[in-house]
Structures are given as C-alpha cells and as structure tokens.
Amino acid sequence: MAKPNGYPGEHSKFKPNDPAAIARHKAVQDRRQELRKQKREERRRKRLDKRANRSR
C-alpha cells in the first residue's frame, strides 16, 4: 500500500523543536561533512601521487 503524498516526513525538511534533536542532527551532519572532506583530500592526494610517479 503506497503512502499518501502528504505523509509527514516523506519529503519534509528536518524541523524539530527539541534542541537536543537539533544538536544531534547537526553533529551527524558535521561528521558526514568531515568524512566527505577527508575522502576528497584522499582522492586528491592519490591523483597527485599518481601524476608525480608517472613513468616518462
């Protein structure tokens, strides 16, 4: 059975009133952002190493 389009939380933004929930959500967002940053830096480092170690 399909959910109706107006199902709460289906396509809604995260808007709680609880400060603890907001803090948890922000912490999770920050952690994900930091992981993305680390992955991006690692890919960049690998690319530069590969370019530097190319045989001529």
Protein backbone atom coordinates (compact mmCIF):
# COMPACT_ATOMS: atom_id res chain seq x y z
CA MET A 1 0.00 0.00 0.00
CA ALA A 2 1.52 3.33 -1.06
CA LYS A 3 1.85 6.23 1.32
CA PRO A 4 -0.09 9.38 0.51
CA ASN A 5 1.86 12.38 -0.76
CA GLY A 6 1.12 14.30 2.41
CA TYR A 7 2.77 11.69 4.65
CA PRO A 8 4.66 13.65 7.34
CA GLY A 9 8.39 13.29 6.92
CA GLU A 10 8.16 11.90 3.41
CA HIS A 11 9.67 14.92 1.67
CA SER A 12 9.87 17.40 4.51
CA LYS A 13 12.90 19.23 5.85
CA PHE A 14 14.27 18.40 9.30
CA LYS A 15 12.46 20.87 11.58
CA PRO A 16 12.21 19.64 15.17
CA ASN A 17 11.55 21.90 18.13
CA ASP A 18 13.72 19.87 20.51
CA PRO A 19 17.18 21.49 20.99
CA ALA A 20 18.74 18.09 21.74
CA ALA A 21 17.43 16.66 18.47
CA ILE A 22 18.74 19.69 16.58
CA ALA A 23 22.17 19.25 18.20
CA ARG A 24 22.24 15.54 17.34
CA HIS A 25 21.27 16.25 13.74
CA LYS A 26 23.94 18.95 13.44
CA ALA A 27 26.58 16.61 14.90
CA VAL A 28 25.68 13.93 12.36
CA GLN A 29 25.80 16.48 9.53
CA ASP A 30 29.19 17.76 10.69
CA ARG A 31 30.56 14.21 10.90
CA ARG A 32 29.36 13.41 7.37
CA GLN A 33 30.81 16.67 6.07
CA GLU A 34 34.18 15.89 7.69
CA LEU A 35 34.20 12.39 6.17
CA ARG A 36 33.43 13.84 2.73
CA LYS A 37 36.25 16.32 3.18
CA GLN A 38 38.68 13.54 4.14
CA LYS A 39 37.65 11.38 1.17
CA ARG A 40 38.02 14.34 -1.18
CA GLU A 41 41.51 15.05 0.17
CA GLU A 42 42.49 11.38 -0.12
CA ARG A 43 41.33 11.23 -3.76
CA ARG A 44 43.24 14.44 -4.48
CA ARG A 45 46.39 13.06 -2.83
CA LYS A 46 46.13 9.79 -4.80
CA ARG A 47 45.65 11.70 -8.04
CA LEU A 48 48.68 13.89 -7.37
CA ASP A 49 50.83 10.91 -6.37
CA LYS A 50 49.80 9.03 -9.50
CA ARG A 51 50.66 12.05 -11.61
CA ALA A 52 54.02 12.55 -9.87
CA ASN A 53 55.03 8.88 -10.14
CA ARG A 54 54.22 8.52 -13.82
CA SER A 55 56.95 6.90 -15.91
CA ARG A 56 58.44 9.10 -18.57
